[in-house]
Amino acid sequence: MPTGAHDMARAYIDMVQANYQESDKYFHARGNADAAQRGEGGRWAAEVISNAREWVQEKTGHGSEDAAADQKANEHGRNGGDPNDYRPAGLPAKY
């Protein structure tokens, strides 16, 4: 049975496979939204995974500005926002 962690992993794999410019915020929001729809456990998993990912990115030299934008997309998805608000034009429909 899929879990919130599975939803987050699926969004990450899709992001890597899509390799589409300016799509990362969409995949952040989508993974968090999918996980949160599974209930409190999924929401918790999404928050923990998102926070850990952003912490690692900051510690490995990615800008805090990008991390803040990622977290905004993460929270948008977790709080029931539509991930398509972050969808870039031209991203293939399969995503």
N, C-alpha and C. Protein backbone atom coordinates (compact mmCIF):
# COMPACT_ATOMS: atom_id res chain seq x y z
N MET A 1 0.85 -1.19 0.00
CA MET A 1 0.00 0.00 0.00
C MET A 1 0.89 1.25 0.00
N PRO A 2 0.65 2.16 -0.92
CA PRO A 2 1.46 3.39 -0.98
C PRO A 2 1.29 4.23 0.29
N THR A 3 2.31 4.96 0.61
CA THR A 3 2.32 5.83 1.79
C THR A 3 2.69 7.25 1.39
N GLY A 4 2.65 8.15 2.37
CA GLY A 4 3.07 9.52 2.10
C GLY A 4 4.51 9.58 1.63
N ALA A 5 5.37 8.74 2.21
CA ALA A 5 6.76 8.71 1.78
C ALA A 5 6.86 8.25 0.33
N HIS A 6 6.01 7.31 -0.05
CA HIS A 6 5.98 6.83 -1.44
C HIS A 6 5.57 7.97 -2.38
N ASP A 7 4.57 8.74 -1.96
CA ASP A 7 4.13 9.88 -2.78
C ASP A 7 5.26 10.88 -3.00
N MET A 8 6.02 11.13 -1.95
CA MET A 8 7.14 12.06 -2.05
C MET A 8 8.21 11.51 -2.99
N ALA A 9 8.49 10.22 -2.87
CA ALA A 9 9.50 9.60 -3.74
C ALA A 9 9.04 9.62 -5.19
N ARG A 10 7.76 9.34 -5.42
CA ARG A 10 7.23 9.34 -6.79
C ARG A 10 7.35 10.72 -7.42
N ALA A 11 7.04 11.77 -6.65
CA ALA A 11 7.16 13.13 -7.17
C ALA A 11 8.62 13.45 -7.51
N TYR A 12 9.54 13.00 -6.66
CA TYR A 12 10.96 13.25 -6.93
C TYR A 12 11.41 12.51 -8.20
N ILE A 13 11.03 11.26 -8.33
CA ILE A 13 11.41 10.47 -9.51
C ILE A 13 10.82 11.11 -10.77
N ASP A 14 9.57 11.54 -10.70
CA ASP A 14 8.95 12.22 -11.85
C ASP A 14 9.70 13.50 -12.19
N MET A 15 10.13 14.25 -11.18
CA MET A 15 10.86 15.49 -11.43
C MET A 15 12.17 15.20 -12.15
N VAL A 16 12.87 14.17 -11.70
CA VAL A 16 14.15 13.81 -12.33
C VAL A 16 13.90 13.34 -13.77
N GLN A 17 12.89 12.51 -13.97
CA GLN A 17 12.60 12.00 -15.31
C GLN A 17 12.14 13.11 -16.24
N ALA A 18 11.31 14.02 -15.74
CA ALA A 18 10.82 15.12 -16.57
C ALA A 18 11.97 16.02 -16.99
N ASN A 19 12.91 16.27 -16.07
CA ASN A 19 14.05 17.11 -16.38
C ASN A 19 13.60 18.37 -17.12
N TYR A 20 12.59 19.02 -16.54
CA TYR A 20 11.96 20.16 -17.19
C TYR A 20 12.26 21.43 -16.41
N GLN A 21 12.77 22.42 -17.11
CA GLN A 21 13.17 23.67 -16.48
C GLN A 21 12.01 24.32 -15.73
N GLU A 22 12.32 24.84 -14.55
CA GLU A 22 11.36 25.59 -13.73
C GLU A 22 10.18 24.73 -13.23
N SER A 23 10.38 23.41 -13.13
CA SER A 23 9.28 22.54 -12.69
C SER A 23 9.42 22.07 -11.25
N ASP A 24 10.53 22.38 -10.61
CA ASP A 24 10.77 21.80 -9.29
C ASP A 24 9.71 22.20 -8.27
N LYS A 25 9.24 23.43 -8.30
CA LYS A 25 8.23 23.86 -7.32
C LYS A 25 6.92 23.10 -7.52
N TYR A 26 6.59 22.81 -8.77
CA TYR A 26 5.39 22.01 -9.05
C TYR A 26 5.52 20.62 -8.40
N PHE A 27 6.66 19.98 -8.58
CA PHE A 27 6.84 18.64 -8.03
C PHE A 27 6.90 18.66 -6.50
N HIS A 28 7.45 19.73 -5.93
CA HIS A 28 7.42 19.89 -4.48
C HIS A 28 5.97 19.94 -4.00
N ALA A 29 5.19 20.81 -4.62
CA ALA A 29 3.79 20.97 -4.22
C ALA A 29 3.01 19.68 -4.45
N ARG A 30 3.24 19.01 -5.57
CA ARG A 30 2.50 17.79 -5.88
C ARG A 30 2.80 16.67 -4.89
N GLY A 31 4.07 16.45 -4.60
CA GLY A 31 4.43 15.40 -3.65
C GLY A 31 3.81 15.63 -2.29
N ASN A 32 3.88 16.87 -1.82
CA ASN A 32 3.29 17.21 -0.53
C ASN A 32 1.78 17.08 -0.54
N ALA A 33 1.14 17.51 -1.62
CA ALA A 33 -0.32 17.40 -1.72
C ALA A 33 -0.76 15.95 -1.74
N ASP A 34 -0.09 15.14 -2.53
CA ASP A 34 -0.46 13.71 -2.61
C ASP A 34 -0.29 13.04 -1.25
N ALA A 35 0.81 13.32 -0.58
CA ALA A 35 1.07 12.71 0.73
C ALA A 35 0.04 13.18 1.76
N ALA A 36 -0.25 14.47 1.77
CA ALA A 36 -1.18 15.03 2.76
C ALA A 36 -2.59 14.47 2.59
N GLN A 37 -2.95 14.09 1.36
CA GLN A 37 -4.29 13.53 1.13
C GLN A 37 -4.46 12.18 1.81
N ARG A 38 -3.38 11.58 2.27
CA ARG A 38 -3.46 10.29 2.96
C ARG A 38 -3.77 10.45 4.44
N GLY A 39 -3.90 11.67 4.91
CA GLY A 39 -4.22 11.90 6.31
C GLY A 39 -3.03 12.45 7.08
N GLU A 40 -3.18 12.47 8.39
CA GLU A 40 -2.15 13.07 9.23
C GLU A 40 -0.79 12.39 9.10
N GLY A 41 -0.76 11.08 8.93
CA GLY A 41 0.52 10.38 8.75
C GLY A 41 1.22 10.80 7.48
N GLY A 42 0.45 10.94 6.41
CA GLY A 42 1.03 11.39 5.14
C GLY A 42 1.49 12.82 5.21
N ARG A 43 0.72 13.64 5.88
CA ARG A 43 1.09 15.05 6.05
C ARG A 43 2.39 15.15 6.85
N TRP A 44 2.47 14.36 7.92
CA TRP A 44 3.67 14.34 8.75
C TRP A 44 4.89 13.89 7.93
N ALA A 45 4.72 12.81 7.16
CA ALA A 45 5.83 12.31 6.34
C ALA A 45 6.28 13.38 5.35
N ALA A 46 5.34 14.05 4.72
CA ALA A 46 5.68 15.10 3.75
C ALA A 46 6.47 16.22 4.41
N GLU A 47 6.04 16.63 5.60
CA GLU A 47 6.73 17.72 6.28
C GLU A 47 8.15 17.32 6.69
N VAL A 48 8.29 16.12 7.25
CA VAL A 48 9.61 15.65 7.68
C VAL A 48 10.55 15.50 6.49
N ILE A 49 10.08 14.88 5.43
CA ILE A 49 10.91 14.67 4.23
C ILE A 49 11.28 16.02 3.60
N SER A 50 10.31 16.91 3.49
CA SER A 50 10.58 18.23 2.90
C SER A 50 11.59 19.01 3.71
N ASN A 51 11.42 19.01 5.02
CA ASN A 51 12.36 19.76 5.88
C ASN A 51 13.76 19.16 5.79
N ALA A 52 13.85 17.84 5.78
CA ALA A 52 15.17 17.20 5.68
C ALA A 52 15.83 17.52 4.35
N ARG A 53 15.07 17.46 3.29
CA ARG A 53 15.61 17.74 1.96
C ARG A 53 16.13 19.17 1.88
N GLU A 54 15.37 20.10 2.40
CA GLU A 54 15.80 21.51 2.34
C GLU A 54 17.00 21.75 3.24
N TRP A 55 17.07 21.09 4.39
CA TRP A 55 18.21 21.22 5.28
C TRP A 55 19.48 20.74 4.58
N VAL A 56 19.39 19.59 3.92
CA VAL A 56 20.55 19.04 3.20
C VAL A 56 20.97 19.99 2.08
N GLN A 57 20.01 20.51 1.33
CA GLN A 57 20.35 21.42 0.24
C GLN A 57 21.06 22.67 0.76
N GLU A 58 20.57 23.22 1.86
CA GLU A 58 21.22 24.41 2.42
C GLU A 58 22.64 24.10 2.88
N LYS A 59 22.82 22.95 3.50
CA LYS A 59 24.14 22.57 4.03
C LYS A 59 25.13 22.22 2.91
N THR A 60 24.62 21.89 1.73
CA THR A 60 25.50 21.53 0.62
C THR A 60 25.68 22.67 -0.38
N GLY A 61 25.28 23.88 0.05
CA GLY A 61 25.60 25.04 -0.77
C GLY A 61 24.49 25.57 -1.66
N HIS A 62 23.30 25.00 -1.61
CA HIS A 62 22.18 25.58 -2.36
C HIS A 62 21.68 26.79 -1.60
N GLY A 63 21.23 27.78 -2.30
CA GLY A 63 20.85 29.03 -1.66
C GLY A 63 19.65 28.92 -0.75
N SER A 64 19.66 29.72 0.30
CA SER A 64 18.53 29.72 1.23
C SER A 64 17.30 30.34 0.58
N GLU A 65 17.51 31.19 -0.41
CA GLU A 65 16.38 31.79 -1.13
C GLU A 65 15.60 30.71 -1.87
N ASP A 66 16.30 29.80 -2.53
CA ASP A 66 15.63 28.70 -3.23
C ASP A 66 14.96 27.76 -2.23
N ALA A 67 15.61 27.52 -1.10
CA ALA A 67 15.03 26.66 -0.07
C ALA A 67 13.73 27.26 0.45
N ALA A 68 13.70 28.57 0.63
CA ALA A 68 12.48 29.23 1.10
C ALA A 68 11.36 29.10 0.07
N ALA A 69 11.69 29.24 -1.20
CA ALA A 69 10.70 29.09 -2.26
C ALA A 69 10.20 27.64 -2.34
N ASP A 70 11.11 26.69 -2.15
CA ASP A 70 10.72 25.28 -2.12
C ASP A 70 9.76 25.03 -0.96
N GLN A 71 10.08 25.58 0.21
CA GLN A 71 9.23 25.36 1.38
C GLN A 71 7.85 25.99 1.18
N LYS A 72 7.79 27.11 0.50
CA LYS A 72 6.49 27.73 0.20
C LYS A 72 5.66 26.79 -0.66
N ALA A 73 6.27 26.18 -1.67
CA ALA A 73 5.57 25.22 -2.52
C ALA A 73 5.18 23.98 -1.73
N ASN A 74 6.08 23.51 -0.85
CA ASN A 74 5.78 22.35 -0.01
C ASN A 74 4.54 22.61 0.85
N GLU A 75 4.53 23.75 1.52
CA GLU A 75 3.41 24.10 2.40
C GLU A 75 2.12 24.29 1.61
N HIS A 76 2.23 24.87 0.43
CA HIS A 76 1.07 25.05 -0.44
C HIS A 76 0.41 23.70 -0.71
N GLY A 77 1.20 22.72 -1.09
CA GLY A 77 0.67 21.39 -1.37
C GLY A 77 0.13 20.71 -0.12
N ARG A 78 0.87 20.78 0.98
CA ARG A 78 0.44 20.14 2.23
C ARG A 78 -0.85 20.73 2.77
N ASN A 79 -1.06 22.02 2.52
CA ASN A 79 -2.24 22.71 3.06
C ASN A 79 -3.43 22.68 2.11
N GLY A 80 -3.38 21.81 1.10
CA GLY A 80 -4.52 21.64 0.21
C GLY A 80 -4.52 22.51 -1.02
N GLY A 81 -3.44 23.25 -1.24
CA GLY A 81 -3.36 24.08 -2.44
C GLY A 81 -3.18 23.22 -3.69
N ASP A 82 -3.56 23.75 -4.81
CA ASP A 82 -3.47 23.04 -6.08
C ASP A 82 -2.03 23.09 -6.60
N PRO A 83 -1.37 21.93 -6.75
CA PRO A 83 0.00 21.92 -7.27
C PRO A 83 0.12 22.59 -8.64
N ASN A 84 -0.97 22.57 -9.40
CA ASN A 84 -0.93 23.17 -10.73
C ASN A 84 -0.70 24.68 -10.69
N ASP A 85 -0.85 25.28 -9.51
CA ASP A 85 -0.51 26.70 -9.38
C ASP A 85 0.97 26.92 -9.67
N TYR A 86 1.78 25.87 -9.52
CA TYR A 86 3.22 25.94 -9.75
C TYR A 86 3.64 25.25 -11.06
N ARG A 87 2.68 24.73 -11.78
CA ARG A 87 3.00 23.97 -13.00
C ARG A 87 3.52 24.90 -14.10
N PRO A 88 4.70 24.62 -14.64
CA PRO A 88 5.22 25.46 -15.71
C PRO A 88 4.52 25.14 -17.04
N ALA A 89 4.39 26.15 -17.86
CA ALA A 89 3.81 25.95 -19.18
C ALA A 89 4.64 24.95 -19.96
N GLY A 90 3.97 24.03 -20.61
CA GLY A 90 4.66 23.08 -21.47
C GLY A 90 5.10 21.78 -20.80
N LEU A 91 4.94 21.68 -19.47
CA LEU A 91 5.29 20.43 -18.79
C LEU A 91 4.39 19.33 -19.34
N PRO A 92 4.95 18.20 -19.80
CA PRO A 92 4.12 17.14 -20.38
C PRO A 92 2.96 16.73 -19.46
N ALA A 93 1.81 16.47 -20.06
CA ALA A 93 0.59 16.15 -19.32
C ALA A 93 0.72 14.91 -18.43
N LYS A 94 1.64 13.99 -18.75
CA LYS A 94 1.75 12.78 -17.95
C LYS A 94 2.19 13.09 -16.51
N TYR A 95 2.69 14.30 -16.26
CA TYR A 95 3.08 14.70 -14.92
C TYR A 95 2.00 15.55 -14.29
